[in-house]
Amino acid sequence: MSQGINYLHSHSAIEREKRFKKHIVLVDEEYEKMFEKSVPYVYNNKMYLQVHILEFVKNGGAFKNFDS
């Protein structure tokens, strides 16, 4: 989890750096149960999940500019 944040949030800095498609959001793996479909993604030896942006918004996700 990023800097003590304990709510569903994105990692926009990583998404931008890795040039993710605009409909994909990167979230911490601890939120896996909130999503029907997710794809594991490892960055700097940390596991994240790629999820569809519409599902992210539906679950109340907040867009952040985190890079870890």
PDB file of N, CA and C in Angstrom:
ATOM      1  N   MET A   1       0.829  -1.169   0.000  1.00  0.00           N
ATOM      2  CA  MET A   1       0.000   0.000   0.000  1.00  0.00           C
ATOM      3  C   MET A   1       0.880   1.241   0.000  1.00  0.00           C
ATOM      4  N   SER A   2       0.412   2.275  -0.627  1.00  0.00           N
ATOM      5  CA  SER A   2       1.218   3.483  -0.817  1.00  0.00           C
ATOM      6  C   SER A   2       1.120   4.457   0.345  1.00  0.00           C
ATOM      7  N   GLN A   3       2.246   4.803   0.914  1.00  0.00           N
ATOM      8  CA  GLN A   3       2.359   5.848   1.917  1.00  0.00           C
ATOM      9  C   GLN A   3       1.232   5.845   2.945  1.00  0.00           C
ATOM     10  N   GLY A   4       0.849   4.684   3.430  1.00  0.00           N
ATOM     11  CA  GLY A   4      -0.183   4.586   4.451  1.00  0.00           C
ATOM     12  C   GLY A   4      -1.598   4.805   3.950  1.00  0.00           C
ATOM     13  N   ILE A   5      -1.802   4.864   2.647  1.00  0.00           N
ATOM     14  CA  ILE A   5      -3.137   5.036   2.079  1.00  0.00           C
ATOM     15  C   ILE A   5      -3.870   3.703   2.202  1.00  0.00           C
ATOM     16  N   ASN A   6      -5.077   3.722   2.754  1.00  0.00           N
ATOM     17  CA  ASN A   6      -5.799   2.462   2.949  1.00  0.00           C
ATOM     18  C   ASN A   6      -7.168   2.478   2.272  1.00  0.00           C
ATOM     19  N   TYR A   7      -7.227   3.031   1.080  1.00  0.00           N
ATOM     20  CA  TYR A   7      -8.441   2.991   0.277  1.00  0.00           C
ATOM     21  C   TYR A   7      -8.043   2.691  -1.173  1.00  0.00           C
ATOM     22  N   LEU A   8      -9.006   2.275  -1.966  1.00  0.00           N
ATOM     23  CA  LEU A   8      -8.757   1.910  -3.354  1.00  0.00           C
ATOM     24  C   LEU A   8      -8.269   3.124  -4.130  1.00  0.00           C
ATOM     25  N   HIS A   9      -7.075   2.999  -4.708  1.00  0.00           N
ATOM     26  CA  HIS A   9      -6.461   4.090  -5.453  1.00  0.00           C
ATOM     27  C   HIS A   9      -5.641   3.537  -6.612  1.00  0.00           C
ATOM     28  N   SER A  10      -5.382   4.387  -7.575  1.00  0.00           N
ATOM     29  CA  SER A  10      -4.589   3.998  -8.738  1.00  0.00           C
ATOM     30  C   SER A  10      -3.129   4.400  -8.542  1.00  0.00           C
ATOM     31  N   HIS A  11      -2.293   3.926  -9.440  1.00  0.00           N
ATOM     32  CA  HIS A  11      -0.873   4.285  -9.459  1.00  0.00           C
ATOM     33  C   HIS A  11      -0.580   4.895 -10.836  1.00  0.00           C
ATOM     34  N   SER A  12      -1.097   6.094 -11.017  1.00  0.00           N
ATOM     35  CA  SER A  12      -1.036   6.755 -12.324  1.00  0.00           C
ATOM     36  C   SER A  12       0.378   7.007 -12.825  1.00  0.00           C
ATOM     37  N   ALA A  13       1.316   7.256 -11.931  1.00  0.00           N
ATOM     38  CA  ALA A  13       2.693   7.507 -12.365  1.00  0.00           C
ATOM     39  C   ALA A  13       3.278   6.269 -13.046  1.00  0.00           C
ATOM     40  N   ILE A  14       3.012   5.094 -12.483  1.00  0.00           N
ATOM     41  CA  ILE A  14       3.498   3.847 -13.101  1.00  0.00           C
ATOM     42  C   ILE A  14       2.768   3.624 -14.419  1.00  0.00           C
ATOM     43  N   GLU A  15       1.451   3.819 -14.410  1.00  0.00           N
ATOM     44  CA  GLU A  15       0.657   3.639 -15.633  1.00  0.00           C
ATOM     45  C   GLU A  15       1.212   4.500 -16.765  1.00  0.00           C
ATOM     46  N   ARG A  16       1.546   5.743 -16.443  1.00  0.00           N
ATOM     47  CA  ARG A  16       2.081   6.677 -17.456  1.00  0.00           C
ATOM     48  C   ARG A  16       3.472   6.241 -17.912  1.00  0.00           C
ATOM     49  N   GLU A  17       4.331   5.889 -16.949  1.00  0.00           N
ATOM     50  CA  GLU A  17       5.695   5.471 -17.280  1.00  0.00           C
ATOM     51  C   GLU A  17       5.705   4.237 -18.176  1.00  0.00           C
ATOM     52  N   LYS A  18       4.836   3.287 -17.884  1.00  0.00           N
ATOM     53  CA  LYS A  18       4.796   2.031 -18.631  1.00  0.00           C
ATOM     54  C   LYS A  18       3.834   2.072 -19.811  1.00  0.00           C
ATOM     55  N   ARG A  19       3.239   3.242 -20.026  1.00  0.00           N
ATOM     56  CA  ARG A  19       2.349   3.476 -21.165  1.00  0.00           C
ATOM     57  C   ARG A  19       1.195   2.471 -21.231  1.00  0.00           C
ATOM     58  N   PHE A  20       0.513   2.353 -20.113  1.00  0.00           N
ATOM     59  CA  PHE A  20      -0.668   1.493 -20.065  1.00  0.00           C
ATOM     60  C   PHE A  20      -1.737   2.065 -20.987  1.00  0.00           C
ATOM     61  N   LYS A  21      -2.593   1.206 -21.488  1.00  0.00           N
ATOM     62  CA  LYS A  21      -3.743   1.661 -22.260  1.00  0.00           C
ATOM     63  C   LYS A  21      -4.638   2.464 -21.330  1.00  0.00           C
ATOM     64  N   LYS A  22      -5.352   3.429 -21.872  1.00  0.00           N
ATOM     65  CA  LYS A  22      -6.148   4.363 -21.072  1.00  0.00           C
ATOM     66  C   LYS A  22      -7.287   3.696 -20.301  1.00  0.00           C
ATOM     67  N   HIS A  23      -7.728   2.516 -20.717  1.00  0.00           N
ATOM     68  CA  HIS A  23      -8.836   1.851 -20.029  1.00  0.00           C
ATOM     69  C   HIS A  23      -8.362   0.901 -18.919  1.00  0.00           C
ATOM     70  N   ILE A  24      -7.066   0.895 -18.631  1.00  0.00           N
ATOM     71  CA  ILE A  24      -6.487   0.026 -17.592  1.00  0.00           C
ATOM     72  C   ILE A  24      -5.953   0.887 -16.448  1.00  0.00           C
ATOM     73  N   VAL A  25      -6.222   0.436 -15.223  1.00  0.00           N
ATOM     74  CA  VAL A  25      -5.757   1.117 -14.018  1.00  0.00           C
ATOM     75  C   VAL A  25      -4.950   0.117 -13.200  1.00  0.00           C
ATOM     76  N   LEU A  26      -3.899   0.593 -12.568  1.00  0.00           N
ATOM     77  CA  LEU A  26      -3.045  -0.247 -11.726  1.00  0.00           C
ATOM     78  C   LEU A  26      -3.400   0.003 -10.263  1.00  0.00           C
ATOM     79  N   VAL A  27      -3.728  -1.088  -9.538  1.00  0.00           N
ATOM     80  CA  VAL A  27      -4.099  -0.979  -8.128  1.00  0.00           C
ATOM     81  C   VAL A  27      -3.275  -1.960  -7.301  1.00  0.00           C
ATOM     82  N   ASP A  28      -3.243  -1.750  -5.982  1.00  0.00           N
ATOM     83  CA  ASP A  28      -2.542  -2.664  -5.085  1.00  0.00           C
ATOM     84  C   ASP A  28      -3.241  -4.019  -5.067  1.00  0.00           C
ATOM     85  N   GLU A  29      -2.453  -5.095  -4.931  1.00  0.00           N
ATOM     86  CA  GLU A  29      -3.011  -6.443  -5.009  1.00  0.00           C
ATOM     87  C   GLU A  29      -3.988  -6.769  -3.891  1.00  0.00           C
ATOM     88  N   GLU A  30      -3.936  -6.058  -2.798  1.00  0.00           N
ATOM     89  CA  GLU A  30      -4.837  -6.348  -1.682  1.00  0.00           C
ATOM     90  C   GLU A  30      -6.307  -6.107  -2.029  1.00  0.00           C
ATOM     91  N   TYR A  31      -6.577  -5.403  -3.131  1.00  0.00           N
ATOM     92  CA  TYR A  31      -7.949  -5.113  -3.546  1.00  0.00           C
ATOM     93  C   TYR A  31      -8.481  -6.126  -4.562  1.00  0.00           C
ATOM     94  N   GLU A  32      -7.807  -7.224  -4.739  1.00  0.00           N
ATOM     95  CA  GLU A  32      -8.173  -8.220  -5.757  1.00  0.00           C
ATOM     96  C   GLU A  32      -9.625  -8.677  -5.645  1.00  0.00           C
ATOM     97  N   LYS A  33     -10.125  -8.870  -4.452  1.00  0.00           N
ATOM     98  CA  LYS A  33     -11.486  -9.383  -4.265  1.00  0.00           C
ATOM     99  C   LYS A  33     -12.560  -8.405  -4.723  1.00  0.00           C
ATOM    100  N   MET A  34     -12.207  -7.163  -4.948  1.00  0.00           N
ATOM    101  CA  MET A  34     -13.168  -6.162  -5.392  1.00  0.00           C
ATOM    102  C   MET A  34     -13.438  -6.237  -6.893  1.00  0.00           C
ATOM    103  N   PHE A  35     -12.617  -7.000  -7.615  1.00  0.00           N
ATOM    104  CA  PHE A  35     -12.695  -7.004  -9.072  1.00  0.00           C
ATOM    105  C   PHE A  35     -12.975  -8.396  -9.622  1.00  0.00           C
ATOM    106  N   GLU A  36     -13.878  -8.456 -10.598  1.00  0.00           N
ATOM    107  CA  GLU A  36     -14.186  -9.727 -11.243  1.00  0.00           C
ATOM    108  C   GLU A  36     -13.012 -10.213 -12.079  1.00  0.00           C
ATOM    109  N   LYS A  37     -12.382  -9.288 -12.765  1.00  0.00           N
ATOM    110  CA  LYS A  37     -11.253  -9.631 -13.628  1.00  0.00           C
ATOM    111  C   LYS A  37     -10.077  -8.729 -13.293  1.00  0.00           C
ATOM    112  N   SER A  38      -8.920  -9.332 -13.139  1.00  0.00           N
ATOM    113  CA  SER A  38      -7.700  -8.552 -12.917  1.00  0.00           C
ATOM    114  C   SER A  38      -6.525  -9.342 -13.475  1.00  0.00           C
ATOM    115  N   VAL A  39      -5.477  -8.622 -13.806  1.00  0.00           N
ATOM    116  CA  VAL A  39      -4.269  -9.232 -14.352  1.00  0.00           C
ATOM    117  C   VAL A  39      -3.099  -8.831 -13.464  1.00  0.00           C
ATOM    118  N   PRO A  40      -2.355  -9.804 -12.934  1.00  0.00           N
ATOM    119  CA  PRO A  40      -1.204  -9.466 -12.087  1.00  0.00           C
ATOM    120  C   PRO A  40      -0.151  -8.671 -12.871  1.00  0.00           C
ATOM    121  N   TYR A  41       0.516  -7.758 -12.162  1.00  0.00           N
ATOM    122  CA  TYR A  41       1.556  -6.942 -12.777  1.00  0.00           C
ATOM    123  C   TYR A  41       2.614  -6.655 -11.709  1.00  0.00           C
ATOM    124  N   VAL A  42       3.858  -6.977 -11.995  1.00  0.00           N
ATOM    125  CA  VAL A  42       4.947  -6.751 -11.047  1.00  0.00           C
ATOM    126  C   VAL A  42       5.751  -5.531 -11.492  1.00  0.00           C
ATOM    127  N   TYR A  43       6.001  -4.641 -10.530  1.00  0.00           N
ATOM    128  CA  TYR A  43       6.801  -3.444 -10.784  1.00  0.00           C
ATOM    129  C   TYR A  43       7.683  -3.226  -9.565  1.00  0.00           C
ATOM    130  N   ASN A  44       8.986  -3.136  -9.785  1.00  0.00           N
ATOM    131  CA  ASN A  44       9.955  -2.978  -8.686  1.00  0.00           C
ATOM    132  C   ASN A  44       9.746  -4.019  -7.586  1.00  0.00           C
ATOM    133  N   ASN A  45       9.569  -5.254  -7.992  1.00  0.00           N
ATOM    134  CA  ASN A  45       9.390  -6.395  -7.084  1.00  0.00           C
ATOM    135  C   ASN A  45       8.151  -6.289  -6.201  1.00  0.00           C
ATOM    136  N   LYS A  46       7.165  -5.512  -6.612  1.00  0.00           N
ATOM    137  CA  LYS A  46       5.903  -5.414  -5.882  1.00  0.00           C
ATOM    138  C   LYS A  46       4.768  -5.817  -6.808  1.00  0.00           C
ATOM    139  N   MET A  47       3.829  -6.591  -6.272  1.00  0.00           N
ATOM    140  CA  MET A  47       2.702  -7.069  -7.069  1.00  0.00           C
ATOM    141  C   MET A  47       1.566  -6.048  -7.058  1.00  0.00           C
ATOM    142  N   TYR A  48       1.083  -5.749  -8.244  1.00  0.00           N
ATOM    143  CA  TYR A  48      -0.081  -4.887  -8.446  1.00  0.00           C
ATOM    144  C   TYR A  48      -1.083  -5.661  -9.285  1.00  0.00           C
ATOM    145  N   LEU A  49      -2.225  -5.060  -9.547  1.00  0.00           N
ATOM    146  CA  LEU A  49      -3.232  -5.635 -10.420  1.00  0.00           C
ATOM    147  C   LEU A  49      -3.624  -4.625 -11.485  1.00  0.00           C
ATOM    148  N   GLN A  50      -3.771  -5.099 -12.707  1.00  0.00           N
ATOM    149  CA  GLN A  50      -4.317  -4.286 -13.779  1.00  0.00           C
ATOM    150  C   GLN A  50      -5.818  -4.566 -13.814  1.00  0.00           C
ATOM    151  N   VAL A  51      -6.630  -3.517 -13.726  1.00  0.00           N
ATOM    152  CA  VAL A  51      -8.081  -3.676 -13.754  1.00  0.00           C
ATOM    153  C   VAL A  51      -8.676  -2.679 -14.737  1.00  0.00           C
ATOM    154  N   HIS A  52      -9.889  -2.949 -15.164  1.00  0.00           N
ATOM    155  CA  HIS A  52     -10.577  -2.066 -16.106  1.00  0.00           C
ATOM    156  C   HIS A  52     -11.019  -0.802 -15.374  1.00  0.00           C
ATOM    157  N   ILE A  53     -10.819   0.333 -16.007  1.00  0.00           N
ATOM    158  CA  ILE A  53     -11.106   1.617 -15.372  1.00  0.00           C
ATOM    159  C   ILE A  53     -12.569   1.759 -14.955  1.00  0.00           C
ATOM    160  N   LEU A  54     -13.499   1.214 -15.723  1.00  0.00           N
ATOM    161  CA  LEU A  54     -14.911   1.325 -15.367  1.00  0.00           C
ATOM    162  C   LEU A  54     -15.227   0.568 -14.082  1.00  0.00           C
ATOM    163  N   GLU A  55     -14.628  -0.591 -13.917  1.00  0.00           N
ATOM    164  CA  GLU A  55     -14.827  -1.362 -12.688  1.00  0.00           C
ATOM    165  C   GLU A  55     -14.169  -0.643 -11.500  1.00  0.00           C
ATOM    166  N   PHE A  56     -13.031  -0.038 -11.735  1.00  0.00           N
ATOM    167  CA  PHE A  56     -12.328   0.736 -10.715  1.00  0.00           C
ATOM    168  C   PHE A  56     -13.216   1.888 -10.211  1.00  0.00           C
ATOM    169  N   VAL A  57     -13.792   2.639 -11.119  1.00  0.00           N
ATOM    170  CA  VAL A  57     -14.659   3.763 -10.763  1.00  0.00           C
ATOM    171  C   VAL A  57     -15.912   3.253 -10.053  1.00  0.00           C
ATOM    172  N   LYS A  58     -16.491   2.167 -10.554  1.00  0.00           N
ATOM    173  CA  LYS A  58     -17.696   1.595  -9.940  1.00  0.00           C
ATOM    174  C   LYS A  58     -17.447   1.225  -8.481  1.00  0.00           C
ATOM    175  N   ASN A  59     -16.224   0.802  -8.163  1.00  0.00           N
ATOM    176  CA  ASN A  59     -15.866   0.405  -6.801  1.00  0.00           C
ATOM    177  C   ASN A  59     -15.386   1.581  -5.949  1.00  0.00           C
ATOM    178  N   GLY A  60     -15.512   2.807  -6.457  1.00  0.00           N
ATOM    179  CA  GLY A  60     -15.180   3.997  -5.678  1.00  0.00           C
ATOM    180  C   GLY A  60     -13.708   4.340  -5.644  1.00  0.00           C
ATOM    181  N   GLY A  61     -12.940   3.880  -6.629  1.00  0.00           N
ATOM    182  CA  GLY A  61     -11.510   4.147  -6.676  1.00  0.00           C
ATOM    183  C   GLY A  61     -11.163   5.608  -6.829  1.00  0.00           C
ATOM    184  N   ALA A  62     -10.051   6.012  -6.237  1.00  0.00           N
ATOM    185  CA  ALA A  62      -9.549   7.383  -6.336  1.00  0.00           C
ATOM    186  C   ALA A  62      -8.305   7.390  -7.215  1.00  0.00           C
ATOM    187  N   PHE A  63      -8.233   8.337  -8.123  1.00  0.00           N
ATOM    188  CA  PHE A  63      -7.072   8.452  -9.003  1.00  0.00           C
ATOM    189  C   PHE A  63      -5.963   9.211  -8.286  1.00  0.00           C
ATOM    190  N   LYS A  64      -4.808   8.556  -8.153  1.00  0.00           N
ATOM    191  CA  LYS A  64      -3.646   9.155  -7.494  1.00  0.00           C
ATOM    192  C   LYS A  64      -2.450   9.061  -8.426  1.00  0.00           C
ATOM    193  N   ASN A  65      -1.427   9.823  -8.154  1.00  0.00           N
ATOM    194  CA  ASN A  65      -0.236   9.835  -8.986  1.00  0.00           C
ATOM    195  C   ASN A  65       0.919   9.108  -8.296  1.00  0.00           C
ATOM    196  N   PHE A  66       0.619   7.957  -7.708  1.00  0.00           N
ATOM    197  CA  PHE A  66       1.635   7.208  -6.977  1.00  0.00           C
ATOM    198  C   PHE A  66       2.528   6.418  -7.927  1.00  0.00           C
ATOM    199  N   ASP A  67       3.800   6.332  -7.564  1.00  0.00           N
ATOM    200  CA  ASP A  67       4.752   5.531  -8.338  1.00  0.00           C
ATOM    201  C   ASP A  67       5.254   4.353  -7.540  1.00  0.00           C
ATOM    202  N   SER A  68       4.667   4.090  -6.409  1.00  0.00           N
ATOM    203  CA  SER A  68       5.018   2.899  -5.603  1.00  0.00           C
ATOM    204  C   SER A  68       3.855   2.562  -4.695  1.00  0.00           C
TER     205      SER A  68
END
